PDB file of N, CA and C in Angstrom:
ATOM      1  N   MET A   1      11.772 -41.056 -65.065  1.00  0.00           N
ATOM      2  CA  MET A   1      11.701 -41.697 -63.862  1.00  0.00           C
ATOM      3  C   MET A   1      11.819 -40.461 -63.076  1.00  0.00           C
ATOM      4  N   TYR A   2      10.964 -39.879 -62.372  1.00  0.00           N
ATOM      5  CA  TYR A   2      11.525 -38.399 -61.575  1.00  0.00           C
ATOM      6  C   TYR A   2      12.115 -38.893 -60.572  1.00  0.00           C
ATOM      7  N   GLU A   3      12.744 -38.261 -59.841  1.00  0.00           N
ATOM      8  CA  GLU A   3      13.832 -37.993 -58.994  1.00  0.00           C
ATOM      9  C   GLU A   3      13.316 -38.350 -57.705  1.00  0.00           C
ATOM     10  N   GLY A   4      11.947 -37.872 -57.485  1.00  0.00           N
ATOM     11  CA  GLY A   4      11.960 -38.295 -56.322  1.00  0.00           C
ATOM     12  C   GLY A   4      11.111 -39.922 -56.233  1.00  0.00           C
ATOM     13  N   ASP A   5      10.398 -40.374 -57.298  1.00  0.00           N
ATOM     14  CA  ASP A   5      10.450 -41.764 -57.475  1.00  0.00           C
ATOM     15  C   ASP A   5      11.585 -42.687 -57.515  1.00  0.00           C
ATOM     16  N   LEU A   6      12.674 -42.412 -58.236  1.00  0.00           N
ATOM     17  CA  LEU A   6      13.944 -43.224 -57.901  1.00  0.00           C
ATOM     18  C   LEU A   6      14.303 -43.108 -56.789  1.00  0.00           C
ATOM     19  N   ARG A   7      14.489 -41.799 -55.439  1.00  0.00           N
ATOM     20  CA  ARG A   7      15.013 -42.037 -54.085  1.00  0.00           C
ATOM     21  C   ARG A   7      14.365 -42.859 -53.687  1.00  0.00           C
ATOM     22  N   GLU A   8      12.829 -43.124 -53.904  1.00  0.00           N
ATOM     23  CA  GLU A   8      11.917 -43.586 -53.065  1.00  0.00           C
ATOM     24  C   GLU A   8      12.347 -45.609 -53.526  1.00  0.00           C
ATOM     25  N   ARG A   9      12.435 -45.873 -54.431  1.00  0.00           N
ATOM     26  CA  ARG A   9      12.457 -46.872 -55.291  1.00  0.00           C
ATOM     27  C   ARG A   9      14.174 -47.658 -54.534  1.00  0.00           C
ATOM     28  N   LEU A  10      15.035 -46.405 -54.307  1.00  0.00           N
ATOM     29  CA  LEU A  10      16.529 -47.062 -54.191  1.00  0.00           C
ATOM     30  C   LEU A  10      16.390 -47.095 -52.804  1.00  0.00           C
ATOM     31  N   LYS A  11      15.569 -46.284 -52.013  1.00  0.00           N
ATOM     32  CA  LYS A  11      15.418 -46.363 -50.635  1.00  0.00           C
ATOM     33  C   LYS A  11      14.931 -47.965 -50.136  1.00  0.00           C
ATOM     34  N   ASN A  12      13.791 -48.307 -50.841  1.00  0.00           N
ATOM     35  CA  ASN A  12      13.308 -49.552 -50.425  1.00  0.00           C
ATOM     36  C   ASN A  12      14.168 -50.171 -51.331  1.00  0.00           C
ATOM     37  N   TYR A  13      15.159 -50.324 -52.018  1.00  0.00           N
ATOM     38  CA  TYR A  13      15.790 -51.506 -52.841  1.00  0.00           C
ATOM     39  C   TYR A  13      16.451 -51.655 -51.752  1.00  0.00           C
ATOM     40  N   VAL A  14      17.331 -50.362 -51.050  1.00  0.00           N
ATOM     41  CA  VAL A  14      18.034 -50.827 -49.924  1.00  0.00           C
ATOM     42  C   VAL A  14      17.847 -51.409 -48.715  1.00  0.00           C
ATOM     43  N   ASP A  15      16.449 -51.094 -48.358  1.00  0.00           N
ATOM     44  CA  ASP A  15      16.008 -51.542 -47.379  1.00  0.00           C
ATOM     45  C   ASP A  15      15.552 -53.304 -47.677  1.00  0.00           C
ATOM     46  N   THR A  16      15.041 -53.500 -48.514  1.00  0.00           N
ATOM     47  CA  THR A  16      14.682 -55.148 -48.699  1.00  0.00           C
ATOM     48  C   THR A  16      15.694 -55.811 -49.255  1.00  0.00           C
ATOM     49  N   THR A  17      17.199 -55.251 -49.465  1.00  0.00           N
ATOM     50  CA  THR A  17      18.064 -56.504 -49.607  1.00  0.00           C
ATOM     51  C   THR A  17      18.919 -56.178 -48.923  1.00  0.00           C
ATOM     52  N   GLY A  18      19.093 -55.482 -47.574  1.00  0.00           N
ATOM     53  CA  GLY A  18      20.298 -54.998 -47.004  1.00  0.00           C
ATOM     54  C   GLY A  18      21.366 -54.291 -48.199  1.00  0.00           C
ATOM     55  N   VAL A  19      21.500 -54.256 -49.370  1.00  0.00           N
ATOM     56  CA  VAL A  19      22.434 -53.898 -49.581  1.00  0.00           C
ATOM     57  C   VAL A  19      23.118 -52.176 -49.125  1.00  0.00           C
ATOM     58  N   LYS A  20      24.384 -52.079 -49.142  1.00  0.00           N
ATOM     59  CA  LYS A  20      24.413 -50.723 -48.477  1.00  0.00           C
ATOM     60  C   LYS A  20      24.805 -49.646 -49.796  1.00  0.00           C
ATOM     61  N   TYR A  21      24.552 -48.589 -49.174  1.00  0.00           N
ATOM     62  CA  TYR A  21      24.707 -47.262 -50.140  1.00  0.00           C
ATOM     63  C   TYR A  21      26.179 -47.319 -50.392  1.00  0.00           C
ATOM     64  N   THR A  22      26.935 -47.547 -49.491  1.00  0.00           N
ATOM     65  CA  THR A  22      28.585 -47.103 -50.417  1.00  0.00           C
ATOM     66  C   THR A  22      29.135 -48.482 -51.172  1.00  0.00           C
ATOM     67  N   TYR A  23      28.087 -49.722 -51.411  1.00  0.00           N
ATOM     68  CA  TYR A  23      28.459 -50.338 -52.202  1.00  0.00           C
ATOM     69  C   TYR A  23      27.901 -50.126 -53.432  1.00  0.00           C
ATOM     70  N   ILE A  24      26.550 -49.160 -53.622  1.00  0.00           N
ATOM     71  CA  ILE A  24      26.090 -48.910 -54.555  1.00  0.00           C
ATOM     72  C   ILE A  24      26.440 -48.037 -55.517  1.00  0.00           C
ATOM     73  N   CYS A  25      27.178 -47.053 -54.225  1.00  0.00           N
ATOM     74  CA  CYS A  25      28.241 -46.026 -54.665  1.00  0.00           C
ATOM     75  C   CYS A  25      29.632 -46.430 -55.407  1.00  0.00           C
ATOM     76  N   LYS A  26      29.819 -47.383 -54.491  1.00  0.00           N
ATOM     77  CA  LYS A  26      30.876 -47.904 -55.408  1.00  0.00           C
ATOM     78  C   LYS A  26      30.757 -48.496 -56.942  1.00  0.00           C
ATOM     79  N   LYS A  27      29.634 -49.271 -57.353  1.00  0.00           N
ATOM     80  CA  LYS A  27      29.350 -50.064 -58.391  1.00  0.00           C
ATOM     81  C   LYS A  27      29.066 -48.908 -59.485  1.00  0.00           C
ATOM     82  N   ILE A  28      28.938 -47.766 -58.920  1.00  0.00           N
ATOM     83  CA  ILE A  28      28.007 -46.980 -60.134  1.00  0.00           C
ATOM     84  C   ILE A  28      29.378 -46.058 -60.200  1.00  0.00           C
ATOM     85  N   ASP A  29      30.084 -45.805 -59.388  1.00  0.00           N
ATOM     86  CA  ASP A  29      31.137 -44.784 -59.254  1.00  0.00           C
ATOM     87  C   ASP A  29      30.220 -43.374 -58.836  1.00  0.00           C
ATOM     88  N   ILE A  30      30.081 -42.812 -57.952  1.00  0.00           N
ATOM     89  CA  ILE A  30      29.858 -41.841 -57.502  1.00  0.00           C
ATOM     90  C   ILE A  30      30.297 -41.368 -55.950  1.00  0.00           C
ATOM     91  N   HIS A  31      30.273 -40.384 -55.582  1.00  0.00           N
ATOM     92  CA  HIS A  31      30.887 -40.417 -54.553  1.00  0.00           C
ATOM     93  C   HIS A  31      30.019 -41.168 -53.188  1.00  0.00           C
ATOM     94  N   LYS A  32      29.790 -41.080 -52.094  1.00  0.00           N
ATOM     95  CA  LYS A  32      29.228 -41.057 -50.802  1.00  0.00           C
ATOM     96  C   LYS A  32      28.329 -40.306 -50.236  1.00  0.00           C
ATOM     97  N   SER A  33      28.978 -39.170 -49.967  1.00  0.00           N
ATOM     98  CA  SER A  33      28.174 -38.055 -49.941  1.00  0.00           C
ATOM     99  C   SER A  33      27.350 -37.241 -51.152  1.00  0.00           C
ATOM    100  N   THR A  34      27.453 -37.616 -52.250  1.00  0.00           N
ATOM    101  CA  THR A  34      26.335 -37.388 -53.150  1.00  0.00           C
ATOM    102  C   THR A  34      25.365 -38.006 -52.823  1.00  0.00           C
ATOM    103  N   MET A  35      25.676 -39.519 -52.453  1.00  0.00           N
ATOM    104  CA  MET A  35      24.038 -40.436 -52.763  1.00  0.00           C
ATOM    105  C   MET A  35      23.745 -39.581 -51.275  1.00  0.00           C
ATOM    106  N   SER A  36      24.234 -39.704 -50.366  1.00  0.00           N
ATOM    107  CA  SER A  36      23.770 -39.124 -48.739  1.00  0.00           C
ATOM    108  C   SER A  36      23.313 -37.756 -49.092  1.00  0.00           C
ATOM    109  N   HIS A  37      23.532 -36.758 -49.996  1.00  0.00           N
ATOM    110  CA  HIS A  37      22.714 -35.712 -49.987  1.00  0.00           C
ATOM    111  C   HIS A  37      21.450 -36.023 -50.785  1.00  0.00           C
ATOM    112  N   PHE A  38      21.610 -36.681 -51.741  1.00  0.00           N
ATOM    113  CA  PHE A  38      20.511 -37.220 -52.511  1.00  0.00           C
ATOM    114  C   PHE A  38      19.180 -37.840 -51.876  1.00  0.00           C
ATOM    115  N   ILE A  39      19.579 -38.750 -50.958  1.00  0.00           N
ATOM    116  CA  ILE A  39      18.827 -39.541 -50.100  1.00  0.00           C
ATOM    117  C   ILE A  39      18.274 -38.575 -49.192  1.00  0.00           C
ATOM    118  N   ILE A  40      18.847 -37.906 -48.761  1.00  0.00           N
ATOM    119  CA  ILE A  40      18.070 -36.580 -47.458  1.00  0.00           C
ATOM    120  C   ILE A  40      17.000 -35.553 -47.919  1.00  0.00           C
ATOM    121  N   ARG A  41      17.772 -35.681 -49.562  1.00  0.00           N
ATOM    122  CA  ARG A  41      16.987 -34.749 -50.543  1.00  0.00           C
ATOM    123  C   ARG A  41      17.597 -33.029 -50.433  1.00  0.00           C
ATOM    124  N   ASP A  42      18.733 -33.305 -49.886  1.00  0.00           N
ATOM    125  CA  ASP A  42      19.413 -31.789 -49.706  1.00  0.00           C
ATOM    126  C   ASP A  42      20.081 -31.380 -50.989  1.00  0.00           C
ATOM    127  N   ARG A  43      19.771 -32.574 -52.273  1.00  0.00           N
ATOM    128  CA  ARG A  43      20.844 -31.647 -53.118  1.00  0.00           C
ATOM    129  C   ARG A  43      19.986 -32.484 -54.478  1.00  0.00           C
ATOM    130  N   ALA A  44      19.959 -32.064 -55.657  1.00  0.00           N
ATOM    131  CA  ALA A  44      19.543 -32.534 -56.547  1.00  0.00           C
ATOM    132  C   ALA A  44      20.811 -33.142 -57.683  1.00  0.00           C
ATOM    133  N   LEU A  45      20.800 -34.258 -58.047  1.00  0.00           N
ATOM    134  CA  LEU A  45      21.424 -34.504 -58.989  1.00  0.00           C
ATOM    135  C   LEU A  45      22.204 -34.662 -60.565  1.00  0.00           C
ATOM    136  N   SER A  46      22.387 -34.408 -61.442  1.00  0.00           N
ATOM    137  CA  SER A  46      22.886 -34.480 -62.584  1.00  0.00           C
ATOM    138  C   SER A  46      22.065 -35.445 -63.343  1.00  0.00           C
ATOM    139  N   GLN A  47      21.716 -35.547 -64.607  1.00  0.00           N
ATOM    140  CA  GLN A  47      20.525 -36.101 -65.122  1.00  0.00           C
ATOM    141  C   GLN A  47      21.611 -37.492 -65.411  1.00  0.00           C
ATOM    142  N   LYS A  48      23.516 -37.258 -65.716  1.00  0.00           N
ATOM    143  CA  LYS A  48      24.092 -38.445 -65.636  1.00  0.00           C
ATOM    144  C   LYS A  48      23.871 -39.447 -64.545  1.00  0.00           C
ATOM    145  N   THR A  49      24.269 -38.848 -63.476  1.00  0.00           N
ATOM    146  CA  THR A  49      24.207 -39.410 -62.105  1.00  0.00           C
ATOM    147  C   THR A  49      22.739 -40.404 -62.068  1.00  0.00           C
ATOM    148  N   LEU A  50      21.608 -39.531 -62.417  1.00  0.00           N
ATOM    149  CA  LEU A  50      20.437 -40.181 -61.948  1.00  0.00           C
ATOM    150  C   LEU A  50      20.145 -41.317 -62.491  1.00  0.00           C
ATOM    151  N   ASP A  51      21.022 -41.278 -64.059  1.00  0.00           N
ATOM    152  CA  ASP A  51      20.825 -42.656 -64.920  1.00  0.00           C
ATOM    153  C   ASP A  51      21.843 -43.656 -64.322  1.00  0.00           C
ATOM    154  N   LYS A  52      22.907 -43.508 -63.605  1.00  0.00           N
ATOM    155  CA  LYS A  52      23.420 -44.426 -63.564  1.00  0.00           C
ATOM    156  C   LYS A  52      23.080 -45.282 -62.345  1.00  0.00           C
ATOM    157  N   ILE A  53      21.863 -44.483 -61.511  1.00  0.00           N
ATOM    158  CA  ILE A  53      21.156 -45.254 -60.269  1.00  0.00           C
ATOM    159  C   ILE A  53      19.955 -45.653 -60.769  1.00  0.00           C
ATOM    160  N   TYR A  54      19.529 -45.125 -61.859  1.00  0.00           N
ATOM    161  CA  TYR A  54      18.441 -45.979 -62.785  1.00  0.00           C
ATOM    162  C   TYR A  54      18.867 -47.307 -63.360  1.00  0.00           C
ATOM    163  N   ASN A  55      19.629 -46.936 -63.878  1.00  0.00           N
ATOM    164  CA  ASN A  55      20.394 -48.035 -64.684  1.00  0.00           C
ATOM    165  C   ASN A  55      20.885 -49.446 -63.448  1.00  0.00           C
ATOM    166  N   TYR A  56      21.265 -48.881 -62.446  1.00  0.00           N
ATOM    167  CA  TYR A  56      21.884 -50.212 -61.430  1.00  0.00           C
ATOM    168  C   TYR A  56      20.607 -50.487 -60.852  1.00  0.00           C
ATOM    169  N   LEU A  57      19.494 -50.139 -60.513  1.00  0.00           N
ATOM    170  CA  LEU A  57      18.097 -50.319 -60.190  1.00  0.00           C
ATOM    171  C   LEU A  57      17.556 -51.215 -61.218  1.00  0.00           C
ATOM    172  N   PHE A  58      17.759 -50.912 -62.347  1.00  0.00           N
ATOM    173  CA  PHE A  58      17.491 -51.178 -62.970  1.00  0.00           C
ATOM    174  C   PHE A  58      17.619 -52.697 -63.606  1.00  0.00           C
ATOM    175  N   GLU A  59      19.005 -52.879 -63.855  1.00  0.00           N
ATOM    176  CA  GLU A  59      20.005 -54.011 -63.729  1.00  0.00           C
ATOM    177  C   GLU A  59      20.217 -55.356 -62.191  1.00  0.00           C
ATOM    178  N   ASN A  60      19.128 -54.771 -61.465  1.00  0.00           N
ATOM    179  CA  ASN A  60      18.972 -55.708 -60.423  1.00  0.00           C
ATOM    180  C   ASN A  60      17.406 -55.719 -59.716  1.00  0.00           C
ATOM    181  N   ASN A  61      16.561 -55.485 -61.039  1.00  0.00           N
ATOM    182  CA  ASN A  61      15.488 -56.124 -61.150  1.00  0.00           C
ATOM    183  C   ASN A  61      14.312 -55.221 -59.679  1.00  0.00           C
ATOM    184  N   ALA A  62      14.832 -53.819 -59.697  1.00  0.00           N
ATOM    185  CA  ALA A  62      13.998 -53.154 -58.343  1.00  0.00           C
ATOM    186  C   ALA A  62      13.177 -52.250 -59.388  1.00  0.00           C
ATOM    187  N   LEU A  63      13.035 -52.459 -60.329  1.00  0.00           N
ATOM    188  CA  LEU A  63      12.282 -51.128 -60.994  1.00  0.00           C
ATOM    189  C   LEU A  63      11.092 -51.798 -61.618  1.00  0.00           C
TER     190      LEU A  63
END
């Protein structure tokens, strides 16, 4: 999955469920600023971090 697709699915998941980015960060063990930079397209993430986000969304039926 492309980074942009993952970003949009993450945004959609947060918008539809009301789950906070902070909660997701704690669950997947990444820093809040890392997530923030990713959401605003300010920084690319490592493949490992992208995999964490992908796995979280997959486990929560958001893919």
